[in-house]
Every structure is written in C-alpha cells, then in structure tokens.
Amino acid sequence: MPKTQLFHFPLLLFTMVVAFAAATTPVALQFKEAPQFYNSPDCALVVDKDRESGSDGEPSILCSDRALHVAMTLDTAYIRGTLAAILSVLQHSSCPQNIAFHFVASATANASLLRATVSSSFPFLNFYVYPFDDTSVSRLISTSIRSALDCPLNYARSYLADLLPSCVHRVVYLDSDLVLVDDIAKLAATQLGDNSVLAAPEYCNANFTS
C-alpha cells in the first residue's frame, strides 16, 4: 500500500480507458511537431508569479492552483500513445495554455531522452518529469494475465501525492492508451464530496463500493 501521505490533500485521480548519463544532449525520438494551442479570450490567467521561470524565461504554471493539472506516466514503450493523448487533451481544451502536465518516468529510464521527445513534439507544453523508484513496488506485484500490469510504472499513480510537488492539490490522472474527445476541464470539475479524495469511473463492472 502507498504511504498514508497519499491522502493528506484533496487528490482527484482518474484512470480513463477511452480507448552514463551522456554529456551530449540526447536525440529525441522523432514525431511530428504539434502546433501551438492558444487559450480562448475568456480563459483565466493562471501564471504562478512566485515560481521560477522556465528555460524560455516565461513564468511557470506548474505550481499554480488555478492551472488544470494532468498526470501521466512516460516511457519509451508507450510514448506514441502518450503523445497522442497529450494532443487530444490540447485539441479539445478551451484553455490549453492553462494545463500543466506532470509526467512520471521510471528512475532507470532515460529521462533526458523522454523529456527531449516531449519537448520536440510539444515545444510550448508546460510539463515536468518526475523519477519513480521501481523497487518501491516491484516486489509487491503479483504475476498478472496482462504483462502491462506487471510493470512497476503502472502503479506509480498510487504515489502521486509523494511524487508531485505539495503545491499541487488536485490532479487528473490519465492512462496512455486513450484519446479525449471533449474538454478535460469538464472531467477536472467533477465534484468529489466532503469526505472523498479519489474518484474513478467504473471499470469492467468492478464494485468500487467495497
């Protein structure tokens, strides 16, 4: 089980099934560069002026309470699906510039390569990559009929409260095998109730009440 700190702040967690370190800069995996997406005129200004500016000199929104925070895992095996999911989020959002992406990658993965791949495909994306220690869960995983479920990174979602900055109080978690067809803000606005810290859709008729 994850540490109890996981439930110390209101956390909106959704799993949607819609479907050596080198001295030189790593060469990103090649994908088509996405266009820049702009906010609608009525979108709120969510820049967090108290945070350090990004590499381009612009203020960061990665710790803004007014930003819409999205968390996903990041690895080479599913990078194509992840990029498709990111594109679908931005395409259907009314305020794409107000979305902050938080990517969790295995600590043993080439984070620099993954980061470069996302940056080259989405040069205007607000995102940060967090390392996840696979050994924290690898010994807890039972053999599954689906090999994907045997991957420790698949369980990183349970540790988001420990991985993401404490300034992030609410996040929408998305799997890499989905495509959004509507504004993610509608999903993020889901009410959890006074005593709830987690929400998820019914999956395969599983009974979440127990």
Protein backbone atom coordinates (compact mmCIF):
# COMPACT_ATOMS: atom_id res chain seq x y z
CA MET A 1 0.00 0.00 0.00
CA PRO A 2 1.21 3.57 -0.66
CA LYS A 3 2.21 5.71 2.26
CA THR A 4 -0.62 7.39 4.14
CA GLN A 5 0.62 10.76 2.89
CA LEU A 6 -1.22 9.92 -0.31
CA PHE A 7 -4.45 11.11 1.29
CA HIS A 8 -3.22 14.24 3.02
CA PHE A 9 -4.58 16.60 0.39
CA PRO A 10 -7.60 16.60 -1.92
CA LEU A 11 -6.49 14.48 -4.84
CA LEU A 12 -8.63 13.94 -7.93
CA LEU A 13 -7.35 10.81 -9.59
CA PHE A 14 -8.90 9.47 -12.79
CA THR A 15 -7.88 6.46 -14.82
CA MET A 16 -9.67 6.73 -18.15
CA VAL A 17 -9.78 3.89 -20.64
CA VAL A 18 -11.17 5.58 -23.79
CA ALA A 19 -9.81 3.56 -25.74
CA PHE A 20 26.15 7.14 -18.05
CA ALA A 21 24.02 9.91 -18.47
CA ALA A 22 25.73 11.26 -21.56
CA ALA A 23 27.43 14.61 -21.70
CA THR A 24 25.77 15.42 -25.00
CA THR A 25 22.13 16.34 -25.48
CA PRO A 26 20.06 13.20 -26.24
CA VAL A 27 18.45 12.89 -29.63
CA ALA A 28 14.67 12.85 -29.23
CA LEU A 29 12.54 10.14 -30.77
CA GLN A 30 11.14 11.56 -33.97
CA PHE A 31 7.48 12.56 -34.04
CA LYS A 32 5.69 15.34 -35.87
CA GLU A 33 5.75 18.67 -34.07
CA ALA A 34 2.32 19.77 -32.84
CA PRO A 35 1.11 23.33 -33.42
CA GLN A 36 0.84 25.81 -30.60
CA PHE A 37 -2.58 25.89 -28.94
CA TYR A 38 -3.94 29.14 -27.54
CA ASN A 39 -6.41 29.99 -24.79
CA SER A 40 -9.86 31.32 -25.54
CA PRO A 41 -10.30 35.02 -24.68
CA ASP A 42 -12.28 34.19 -21.52
CA CYS A 43 -9.61 31.89 -20.01
CA ALA A 44 -8.23 32.90 -16.61
CA LEU A 45 -4.61 33.93 -16.18
CA VAL A 46 -3.03 31.12 -14.18
CA VAL A 47 0.67 32.04 -14.15
CA ASP A 48 2.26 31.42 -10.77
CA LYS A 49 4.44 34.51 -10.33
CA ASP A 50 6.06 33.08 -7.20
CA ARG A 51 7.61 30.19 -9.11
CA GLU A 52 10.88 30.18 -11.02
CA SER A 53 10.62 30.97 -14.70
CA GLY A 54 11.09 28.21 -17.22
CA SER A 55 14.05 27.79 -19.54
CA ASP A 56 12.44 30.17 -22.02
CA GLY A 57 12.19 32.91 -19.41
CA GLU A 58 8.43 32.64 -19.11
CA PRO A 59 6.79 32.23 -15.68
CA SER A 60 5.88 28.63 -14.80
CA ILE A 61 2.33 27.42 -14.12
CA LEU A 62 3.42 24.04 -12.73
CA CYS A 63 2.55 25.09 -9.19
CA SER A 64 -0.44 27.29 -9.88
CA ASP A 65 -3.65 26.44 -8.04
CA ARG A 66 -5.59 27.89 -10.96
CA ALA A 67 -3.96 25.64 -13.53
CA LEU A 68 -5.51 22.34 -14.59
CA HIS A 69 -3.05 19.63 -13.60
CA VAL A 70 -2.77 16.41 -15.59
CA ALA A 71 -0.58 13.46 -14.59
CA MET A 72 0.56 10.63 -16.86
CA THR A 73 3.34 8.04 -16.95
CA LEU A 74 6.11 8.36 -19.50
CA ASP A 75 8.14 5.53 -21.03
CA THR A 76 9.53 4.56 -24.41
CA ALA A 77 7.16 1.59 -24.85
CA TYR A 78 4.04 3.78 -24.74
CA ILE A 79 5.48 7.14 -25.84
CA ARG A 80 3.43 7.19 -29.06
CA GLY A 81 0.18 6.71 -27.13
CA THR A 82 1.20 9.33 -24.58
CA LEU A 83 1.85 11.93 -27.28
CA ALA A 84 -1.49 11.13 -28.91
CA ALA A 85 -3.23 11.58 -25.55
CA ILE A 86 -1.49 14.92 -24.95
CA LEU A 87 -2.53 16.15 -28.39
CA SER A 88 -6.15 15.16 -27.81
CA VAL A 89 -6.16 17.00 -24.46
CA LEU A 90 -4.84 20.20 -26.04
CA GLN A 91 -7.03 19.99 -29.15
CA HIS A 92 -10.27 19.84 -27.18
CA SER A 93 -9.39 22.21 -24.35
CA SER A 94 -10.78 25.74 -24.24
CA CYS A 95 -7.77 26.82 -22.19
CA PRO A 96 -4.84 24.64 -23.34
CA GLN A 97 -2.22 27.10 -22.11
CA ASN A 98 -3.58 26.68 -18.58
CA ILE A 99 -2.83 22.95 -18.48
CA ALA A 100 0.21 21.72 -16.56
CA PHE A 101 1.39 18.19 -17.36
CA HIS A 102 3.17 16.08 -14.75
CA PHE A 103 4.91 13.02 -16.22
CA VAL A 104 6.17 10.15 -14.05
CA ALA A 105 9.03 8.12 -15.52
CA SER A 106 10.96 5.16 -14.20
CA ALA A 107 14.12 6.21 -12.39
CA THR A 108 16.02 3.71 -14.55
CA ALA A 109 14.68 5.14 -17.80
CA ASN A 110 16.46 7.68 -19.97
CA ALA A 111 14.55 10.66 -18.63
CA SER A 112 16.55 13.09 -20.75
CA LEU A 113 15.52 11.28 -23.93
CA LEU A 114 11.85 11.17 -22.89
CA ARG A 115 11.90 14.83 -21.92
CA ALA A 116 13.53 15.79 -25.23
CA THR A 117 10.92 13.78 -27.15
CA VAL A 118 8.02 15.55 -25.46
CA SER A 119 9.70 18.94 -25.89
CA SER A 120 10.38 18.41 -29.60
CA SER A 121 6.79 17.30 -30.24
CA PHE A 122 5.18 19.95 -28.00
CA PRO A 123 7.65 22.86 -27.74
CA PHE A 124 5.07 25.05 -25.96
CA LEU A 125 3.91 22.47 -23.41
CA ASN A 126 4.02 23.21 -19.66
CA PHE A 127 5.41 19.99 -18.21
CA TYR A 128 7.77 18.42 -15.71
CA VAL A 129 9.16 14.87 -15.41
CA TYR A 130 9.39 13.08 -12.05
CA PRO A 131 11.52 9.96 -11.44
CA PHE A 132 9.78 6.95 -9.90
CA ASP A 133 11.73 4.31 -7.96
CA ASP A 134 10.59 0.98 -9.44
CA THR A 135 11.91 -1.00 -6.49
CA SER A 136 9.33 0.56 -4.20
CA VAL A 137 6.60 -1.56 -5.80
CA SER A 138 8.30 -4.26 -7.90
CA ARG A 139 8.43 -6.76 -5.01
CA LEU A 140 4.73 -6.19 -4.30
CA ILE A 141 3.43 -7.09 -7.75
CA SER A 142 1.77 -10.46 -8.30
CA THR A 143 2.01 -12.08 -11.73
CA SER A 144 -0.85 -10.91 -13.93
CA ILE A 145 -2.51 -12.29 -17.04
CA ARG A 146 -1.63 -8.93 -18.65
CA SER A 147 2.09 -8.23 -18.93
CA ALA A 148 1.47 -4.48 -18.86
CA LEU A 149 0.15 -4.81 -15.31
CA ASP A 150 3.44 -6.36 -14.21
CA CYS A 151 5.28 -3.12 -14.94
CA PRO A 152 6.05 -1.16 -11.73
CA LEU A 153 5.42 2.15 -13.51
CA ASN A 154 1.79 1.10 -13.92
CA TYR A 155 1.37 1.59 -10.16
CA ALA A 156 3.06 4.99 -9.96
CA ARG A 157 -0.39 6.59 -9.94
CA SER A 158 -0.82 5.42 -6.35
CA TYR A 159 2.18 7.51 -5.31
CA LEU A 160 1.27 10.80 -6.98
CA ALA A 161 0.89 12.60 -3.66
CA ASP A 162 4.51 11.76 -2.85
CA LEU A 163 5.89 12.40 -6.34
CA LEU A 164 4.24 15.67 -7.31
CA PRO A 165 5.01 18.99 -5.58
CA SER A 166 2.98 19.63 -2.44
CA CYS A 167 1.59 22.74 -4.13
CA VAL A 168 -0.46 20.53 -6.49
CA HIS A 169 -3.72 19.82 -4.68
CA ARG A 170 -5.86 18.33 -7.43
CA VAL A 171 -4.84 16.33 -10.47
CA VAL A 172 -6.47 14.32 -13.25
CA TYR A 173 -4.58 11.11 -13.96
CA LEU A 174 -4.83 9.72 -17.49
CA ASP A 175 -3.64 6.42 -18.94
CA SER A 176 -1.51 6.46 -22.08
CA ASP A 177 -3.96 4.41 -24.16
CA LEU A 178 -6.71 6.98 -24.55
CA VAL A 179 -7.87 9.81 -26.76
CA LEU A 180 -10.01 12.60 -25.33
CA VAL A 181 -12.94 13.85 -27.40
CA ASP A 182 -14.11 16.63 -25.08
CA ASP A 183 -12.71 19.38 -22.87
CA ILE A 184 -10.73 17.90 -19.98
CA ALA A 185 -11.90 20.79 -17.79
CA LYS A 186 -15.29 19.08 -17.55
CA LEU A 187 -13.63 15.99 -16.09
CA ALA A 188 -11.46 18.03 -13.74
CA ALA A 189 -14.55 19.80 -12.39
CA THR A 190 -16.02 16.55 -11.07
CA GLN A 191 -17.23 17.01 -7.50
CA LEU A 192 -15.79 14.54 -5.01
CA GLY A 193 -17.87 15.27 -1.94
CA ASP A 194 -16.78 16.32 1.53
CA ASN A 195 -15.03 13.10 2.55
CA SER A 196 -13.68 11.89 -0.79
CA VAL A 197 -10.12 12.26 -2.07
CA LEU A 198 -10.33 9.94 -5.06
CA ALA A 199 -12.70 9.32 -7.94
CA ALA A 200 -12.59 6.88 -10.86
CA PRO A 201 -15.03 5.52 -13.45
CA GLU A 202 -16.49 2.04 -13.16
CA TYR A 203 -14.25 -0.41 -14.98
CA CYS A 204 -15.25 -3.90 -16.14
CA ASN A 205 -18.21 -3.88 -13.73
CA ALA A 206 -15.84 -3.79 -10.73
CA ASN A 207 -17.56 -2.94 -7.46
CA PHE A 208 -15.70 0.07 -6.08
CA THR A 209 -18.07 0.47 -3.12
CA SER A 210 -16.30 -2.33 -1.26
